[in-house]
Amino acid sequence: MAMENQYTWGVYAIFNPNVKNQLDSALHDEIDQAISKGVTTDELDKSKRSLMEYRKTLLGLDNYLAYQQLDYLKDGRDLNEITDFENKINALSLESVNAALKKYFDPSKLVLVYTGDFDKK
């Protein structure tokens, strides 16, 4: 079974509940700008490095490795997919990332979820 052609995207923020609307507005502005103008070479390079460092950290955790091996065995997948995925990430071009962002990211389908005690002042 081949790796699925999907991935997740998420944002995490700790914020003062009194500025929730400003956070929403800033998030939407950043997304709109990324779609209309595209990400920069610097942003893409930093994102790739960050993702590779995160993956390197995960591969250093015994429990993560055990989970990955079980998951791959269960699905009949080859562990070489880990390296293949990283090679694909490193090969991404600025043009392909920006084209995919415009083609696949639909801000109208963005779901924002907030947790916390918003009644406290």
N, C-alpha and C. Protein backbone atom coordinates (compact mmCIF):
# COMPACT_ATOMS: atom_id res chain seq x y z
N MET A 1 0.86 -1.19 0.00
CA MET A 1 0.00 0.00 0.00
C MET A 1 0.90 1.24 0.00
N ALA A 2 0.64 2.17 -0.88
CA ALA A 2 1.43 3.40 -0.98
C ALA A 2 0.97 4.42 0.05
N MET A 3 1.86 5.36 0.34
CA MET A 3 1.54 6.43 1.27
C MET A 3 0.39 7.25 0.71
N GLU A 4 -0.52 7.65 1.54
CA GLU A 4 -1.67 8.44 1.12
C GLU A 4 -1.22 9.81 0.62
N ASN A 5 -1.94 10.35 -0.34
CA ASN A 5 -1.65 11.68 -0.87
C ASN A 5 -2.41 12.73 -0.07
N GLN A 6 -2.06 12.81 1.18
CA GLN A 6 -2.72 13.80 2.04
C GLN A 6 -1.77 14.20 3.15
N TYR A 7 -2.08 15.33 3.73
CA TYR A 7 -1.32 15.78 4.88
C TYR A 7 -2.21 16.72 5.67
N THR A 8 -1.78 17.08 6.82
CA THR A 8 -2.57 17.98 7.64
C THR A 8 -1.87 19.33 7.75
N TRP A 9 -2.64 20.31 8.07
CA TRP A 9 -2.12 21.65 8.29
C TRP A 9 -2.79 22.17 9.55
N GLY A 10 -2.02 22.78 10.42
CA GLY A 10 -2.61 23.28 11.65
C GLY A 10 -1.87 24.49 12.18
N VAL A 11 -2.55 25.19 13.04
CA VAL A 11 -1.99 26.37 13.71
C VAL A 11 -2.28 26.21 15.19
N TYR A 12 -1.33 26.54 16.00
CA TYR A 12 -1.49 26.46 17.44
C TYR A 12 -1.09 27.81 18.02
N ALA A 13 -1.92 28.35 18.89
CA ALA A 13 -1.60 29.64 19.49
C ALA A 13 -2.11 29.71 20.92
N ILE A 14 -1.33 30.32 21.77
CA ILE A 14 -1.78 30.67 23.11
C ILE A 14 -2.04 32.17 23.06
N PHE A 15 -3.25 32.57 23.46
CA PHE A 15 -3.61 33.98 23.30
C PHE A 15 -4.52 34.44 24.42
N ASN A 16 -4.58 35.73 24.57
CA ASN A 16 -5.49 36.37 25.50
C ASN A 16 -6.89 36.32 24.88
N PRO A 17 -7.87 35.73 25.57
CA PRO A 17 -9.23 35.64 24.99
C PRO A 17 -9.81 36.99 24.56
N ASN A 18 -9.32 38.07 25.15
CA ASN A 18 -9.84 39.39 24.78
C ASN A 18 -9.42 39.81 23.37
N VAL A 19 -8.44 39.12 22.78
CA VAL A 19 -7.98 39.49 21.44
C VAL A 19 -8.27 38.39 20.42
N LYS A 20 -9.24 37.53 20.72
CA LYS A 20 -9.58 36.42 19.83
C LYS A 20 -9.94 36.91 18.43
N ASN A 21 -10.72 37.96 18.32
CA ASN A 21 -11.11 38.47 17.00
C ASN A 21 -9.91 38.99 16.22
N GLN A 22 -8.95 39.59 16.92
CA GLN A 22 -7.74 40.07 16.26
C GLN A 22 -6.91 38.88 15.76
N LEU A 23 -6.89 37.80 16.54
CA LEU A 23 -6.17 36.60 16.14
C LEU A 23 -6.81 36.02 14.89
N ASP A 24 -8.13 35.91 14.87
CA ASP A 24 -8.84 35.42 13.69
C ASP A 24 -8.49 36.25 12.46
N SER A 25 -8.56 37.55 12.60
CA SER A 25 -8.30 38.46 11.50
C SER A 25 -6.86 38.31 11.00
N ALA A 26 -5.91 38.26 11.91
CA ALA A 26 -4.50 38.12 11.52
C ALA A 26 -4.24 36.80 10.82
N LEU A 27 -4.86 35.73 11.30
CA LEU A 27 -4.69 34.43 10.69
C LEU A 27 -5.23 34.43 9.26
N HIS A 28 -6.43 34.96 9.09
CA HIS A 28 -7.01 35.02 7.75
C HIS A 28 -6.20 35.92 6.81
N ASP A 29 -5.67 37.02 7.35
CA ASP A 29 -4.83 37.90 6.53
C ASP A 29 -3.58 37.17 6.05
N GLU A 30 -2.94 36.41 6.93
CA GLU A 30 -1.74 35.67 6.56
C GLU A 30 -2.05 34.61 5.50
N ILE A 31 -3.15 33.92 5.67
CA ILE A 31 -3.54 32.90 4.69
C ILE A 31 -3.84 33.54 3.34
N ASP A 32 -4.60 34.63 3.35
CA ASP A 32 -4.93 35.32 2.10
C ASP A 32 -3.67 35.81 1.39
N GLN A 33 -2.72 36.33 2.16
CA GLN A 33 -1.46 36.81 1.58
C GLN A 33 -0.65 35.65 1.01
N ALA A 34 -0.59 34.54 1.73
CA ALA A 34 0.16 33.37 1.24
C ALA A 34 -0.43 32.86 -0.07
N ILE A 35 -1.75 32.84 -0.16
CA ILE A 35 -2.39 32.36 -1.38
C ILE A 35 -2.19 33.35 -2.53
N SER A 36 -2.36 34.63 -2.26
CA SER A 36 -2.28 35.61 -3.34
C SER A 36 -0.84 35.91 -3.78
N LYS A 37 0.08 36.00 -2.83
CA LYS A 37 1.46 36.35 -3.16
C LYS A 37 2.40 35.15 -3.16
N GLY A 38 2.01 34.08 -2.50
CA GLY A 38 2.86 32.90 -2.39
C GLY A 38 3.83 33.01 -1.22
N VAL A 39 4.40 31.87 -0.87
CA VAL A 39 5.42 31.87 0.18
C VAL A 39 6.74 32.26 -0.46
N THR A 40 7.65 32.74 0.35
CA THR A 40 8.96 33.16 -0.15
C THR A 40 9.94 31.99 -0.09
N THR A 41 11.05 32.15 -0.78
CA THR A 41 12.11 31.14 -0.74
C THR A 41 12.58 30.93 0.68
N ASP A 42 12.76 32.00 1.42
CA ASP A 42 13.21 31.90 2.81
C ASP A 42 12.21 31.13 3.67
N GLU A 43 10.92 31.42 3.50
CA GLU A 43 9.88 30.71 4.26
C GLU A 43 9.88 29.22 3.93
N LEU A 44 10.01 28.91 2.64
CA LEU A 44 10.02 27.50 2.25
C LEU A 44 11.25 26.79 2.81
N ASP A 45 12.41 27.40 2.70
CA ASP A 45 13.64 26.79 3.21
C ASP A 45 13.56 26.56 4.72
N LYS A 46 13.06 27.54 5.44
CA LYS A 46 12.92 27.40 6.90
C LYS A 46 11.91 26.31 7.25
N SER A 47 10.84 26.23 6.49
CA SER A 47 9.82 25.21 6.74
C SER A 47 10.37 23.81 6.50
N LYS A 48 11.12 23.65 5.42
CA LYS A 48 11.74 22.35 5.15
C LYS A 48 12.68 21.94 6.27
N ARG A 49 13.55 22.87 6.68
CA ARG A 49 14.51 22.57 7.77
C ARG A 49 13.77 22.21 9.05
N SER A 50 12.75 22.97 9.36
CA SER A 50 11.97 22.72 10.57
C SER A 50 11.33 21.34 10.54
N LEU A 51 10.73 20.99 9.41
CA LEU A 51 10.09 19.68 9.29
C LEU A 51 11.11 18.56 9.40
N MET A 52 12.27 18.73 8.78
CA MET A 52 13.30 17.68 8.85
C MET A 52 13.83 17.54 10.28
N GLU A 53 13.99 18.63 10.98
CA GLU A 53 14.44 18.56 12.39
C GLU A 53 13.40 17.88 13.26
N TYR A 54 12.14 18.19 13.03
CA TYR A 54 11.05 17.56 13.77
C TYR A 54 11.04 16.06 13.52
N ARG A 55 11.17 15.66 12.26
CA ARG A 55 11.18 14.24 11.92
C ARG A 55 12.39 13.54 12.52
N LYS A 56 13.54 14.22 12.52
CA LYS A 56 14.75 13.64 13.11
C LYS A 56 14.54 13.42 14.62
N THR A 57 13.89 14.38 15.26
CA THR A 57 13.60 14.24 16.69
C THR A 57 12.68 13.05 16.93
N LEU A 58 11.62 12.93 16.13
CA LEU A 58 10.70 11.80 16.28
C LEU A 58 11.41 10.46 16.10
N LEU A 59 12.29 10.39 15.12
CA LEU A 59 12.99 9.12 14.86
C LEU A 59 13.96 8.76 15.98
N GLY A 60 14.21 9.67 16.88
CA GLY A 60 15.04 9.40 18.05
C GLY A 60 14.25 8.91 19.25
N LEU A 61 12.93 8.79 19.11
CA LEU A 61 12.07 8.36 20.21
C LEU A 61 11.65 6.91 20.00
N ASP A 62 11.99 6.06 20.96
CA ASP A 62 11.69 4.63 20.83
C ASP A 62 10.21 4.36 20.63
N ASN A 63 9.36 5.05 21.39
CA ASN A 63 7.92 4.79 21.26
C ASN A 63 7.39 5.19 19.88
N TYR A 64 7.93 6.25 19.30
CA TYR A 64 7.52 6.66 17.96
C TYR A 64 7.96 5.61 16.93
N LEU A 65 9.19 5.15 17.06
CA LEU A 65 9.70 4.14 16.13
C LEU A 65 8.88 2.85 16.21
N ALA A 66 8.55 2.43 17.42
CA ALA A 66 7.74 1.22 17.59
C ALA A 66 6.38 1.41 16.95
N TYR A 67 5.75 2.55 17.16
CA TYR A 67 4.44 2.84 16.57
C TYR A 67 4.55 2.82 15.04
N GLN A 68 5.57 3.49 14.50
CA GLN A 68 5.75 3.55 13.05
C GLN A 68 5.91 2.16 12.46
N GLN A 69 6.74 1.34 13.11
CA GLN A 69 6.97 0.00 12.59
C GLN A 69 5.68 -0.82 12.60
N LEU A 70 4.93 -0.74 13.69
CA LEU A 70 3.65 -1.45 13.75
C LEU A 70 2.68 -0.95 12.69
N ASP A 71 2.61 0.34 12.55
CA ASP A 71 1.69 0.94 11.57
C ASP A 71 2.06 0.51 10.15
N TYR A 72 3.33 0.55 9.83
CA TYR A 72 3.78 0.17 8.50
C TYR A 72 3.56 -1.33 8.26
N LEU A 73 3.86 -2.17 9.25
CA LEU A 73 3.63 -3.61 9.11
C LEU A 73 2.16 -3.91 8.90
N LYS A 74 1.32 -3.23 9.67
CA LYS A 74 -0.14 -3.43 9.58
C LYS A 74 -0.65 -3.10 8.18
N ASP A 75 -0.10 -2.05 7.59
CA ASP A 75 -0.55 -1.60 6.27
C ASP A 75 0.25 -2.21 5.12
N GLY A 76 1.23 -3.07 5.44
CA GLY A 76 2.04 -3.67 4.39
C GLY A 76 2.94 -2.66 3.69
N ARG A 77 3.35 -1.65 4.42
CA ARG A 77 4.16 -0.59 3.84
C ARG A 77 5.64 -0.84 4.12
N ASP A 78 6.48 -0.27 3.29
CA ASP A 78 7.93 -0.40 3.40
C ASP A 78 8.47 0.81 4.17
N LEU A 79 9.38 0.55 5.11
CA LEU A 79 9.95 1.65 5.89
C LEU A 79 10.78 2.61 5.04
N ASN A 80 11.12 2.21 3.83
CA ASN A 80 11.83 3.12 2.93
C ASN A 80 10.97 4.33 2.57
N GLU A 81 9.66 4.25 2.80
CA GLU A 81 8.78 5.39 2.54
C GLU A 81 9.16 6.60 3.39
N ILE A 82 9.76 6.34 4.55
CA ILE A 82 10.19 7.46 5.40
C ILE A 82 11.23 8.28 4.66
N THR A 83 12.24 7.61 4.10
CA THR A 83 13.28 8.30 3.35
C THR A 83 12.72 8.91 2.07
N ASP A 84 11.86 8.17 1.38
CA ASP A 84 11.25 8.68 0.15
C ASP A 84 10.48 9.98 0.42
N PHE A 85 9.72 10.00 1.53
CA PHE A 85 8.95 11.19 1.88
C PHE A 85 9.88 12.37 2.13
N GLU A 86 10.95 12.14 2.88
CA GLU A 86 11.89 13.22 3.17
C GLU A 86 12.56 13.72 1.89
N ASN A 87 12.88 12.82 0.98
CA ASN A 87 13.47 13.23 -0.30
C ASN A 87 12.49 14.09 -1.09
N LYS A 88 11.22 13.75 -1.05
CA LYS A 88 10.21 14.54 -1.76
C LYS A 88 10.08 15.93 -1.13
N ILE A 89 10.12 16.00 0.18
CA ILE A 89 10.04 17.31 0.86
C ILE A 89 11.23 18.17 0.45
N ASN A 90 12.42 17.59 0.50
CA ASN A 90 13.63 18.36 0.15
C ASN A 90 13.65 18.79 -1.31
N ALA A 91 12.96 18.06 -2.18
CA ALA A 91 12.94 18.38 -3.61
C ALA A 91 11.87 19.40 -3.98
N LEU A 92 11.02 19.78 -3.04
CA LEU A 92 9.96 20.72 -3.36
C LEU A 92 10.53 22.04 -3.88
N SER A 93 9.92 22.55 -4.93
CA SER A 93 10.32 23.85 -5.46
C SER A 93 9.35 24.92 -4.99
N LEU A 94 9.80 26.14 -5.01
CA LEU A 94 8.95 27.27 -4.62
C LEU A 94 7.72 27.34 -5.53
N GLU A 95 7.92 27.11 -6.81
CA GLU A 95 6.83 27.19 -7.77
C GLU A 95 5.77 26.12 -7.49
N SER A 96 6.22 24.88 -7.20
CA SER A 96 5.25 23.80 -6.96
C SER A 96 4.49 24.01 -5.66
N VAL A 97 5.16 24.53 -4.65
CA VAL A 97 4.49 24.77 -3.36
C VAL A 97 3.44 25.87 -3.53
N ASN A 98 3.80 26.94 -4.19
CA ASN A 98 2.84 28.04 -4.37
C ASN A 98 1.68 27.63 -5.26
N ALA A 99 1.95 26.82 -6.28
CA ALA A 99 0.87 26.34 -7.15
C ALA A 99 -0.08 25.44 -6.36
N ALA A 100 0.47 24.56 -5.53
CA ALA A 100 -0.36 23.66 -4.73
C ALA A 100 -1.17 24.45 -3.70
N LEU A 101 -0.57 25.46 -3.12
CA LEU A 101 -1.28 26.30 -2.15
C LEU A 101 -2.50 26.95 -2.80
N LYS A 102 -2.32 27.49 -3.97
CA LYS A 102 -3.43 28.14 -4.68
C LYS A 102 -4.49 27.13 -5.12
N LYS A 103 -4.04 25.94 -5.51
CA LYS A 103 -4.96 24.95 -6.04
C LYS A 103 -5.76 24.24 -4.95
N TYR A 104 -5.11 23.91 -3.84
CA TYR A 104 -5.74 23.02 -2.86
C TYR A 104 -6.21 23.67 -1.56
N PHE A 105 -5.66 24.82 -1.20
CA PHE A 105 -6.03 25.42 0.08
C PHE A 105 -7.25 26.31 -0.12
N ASP A 106 -8.35 25.93 0.51
CA ASP A 106 -9.59 26.68 0.39
C ASP A 106 -9.91 27.31 1.75
N PRO A 107 -9.66 28.61 1.92
CA PRO A 107 -9.90 29.25 3.21
C PRO A 107 -11.34 29.14 3.69
N SER A 108 -12.28 28.96 2.79
CA SER A 108 -13.68 28.85 3.21
C SER A 108 -13.95 27.54 3.95
N LYS A 109 -13.03 26.58 3.83
CA LYS A 109 -13.19 25.30 4.51
C LYS A 109 -12.37 25.22 5.80
N LEU A 110 -11.73 26.31 6.15
CA LEU A 110 -10.92 26.36 7.36
C LEU A 110 -11.83 26.32 8.59
N VAL A 111 -11.52 25.45 9.50
CA VAL A 111 -12.29 25.31 10.74
C VAL A 111 -11.40 25.76 11.89
N LEU A 112 -11.86 26.73 12.64
CA LEU A 112 -11.12 27.22 13.80
C LEU A 112 -11.78 26.68 15.06
N VAL A 113 -10.99 26.09 15.93
CA VAL A 113 -11.49 25.51 17.18
C VAL A 113 -10.74 26.17 18.33
N TYR A 114 -11.49 26.64 19.30
CA TYR A 114 -10.90 27.29 20.45
C TYR A 114 -11.30 26.54 21.71
N THR A 115 -10.34 26.36 22.59
CA THR A 115 -10.63 25.76 23.89
C THR A 115 -10.15 26.70 24.97
N GLY A 116 -10.79 26.62 26.08
CA GLY A 116 -10.38 27.48 27.21
C GLY A 116 -11.59 28.00 27.95
N ASP A 117 -11.32 28.80 28.94
CA ASP A 117 -12.36 29.43 29.74
C ASP A 117 -12.53 30.86 29.27
N PHE A 118 -13.43 31.07 28.33
CA PHE A 118 -13.59 32.39 27.73
C PHE A 118 -14.55 33.28 28.49
N ASP A 119 -15.18 32.76 29.55
CA ASP A 119 -16.09 33.57 30.34
C ASP A 119 -15.36 34.37 31.41
N LYS A 120 -14.15 33.95 31.79
CA LYS A 120 -13.39 34.68 32.81
C LYS A 120 -12.92 36.00 32.24
N LYS A 121 -12.95 37.00 33.07
CA LYS A 121 -12.47 38.33 32.67
C LYS A 121 -11.20 38.65 33.38
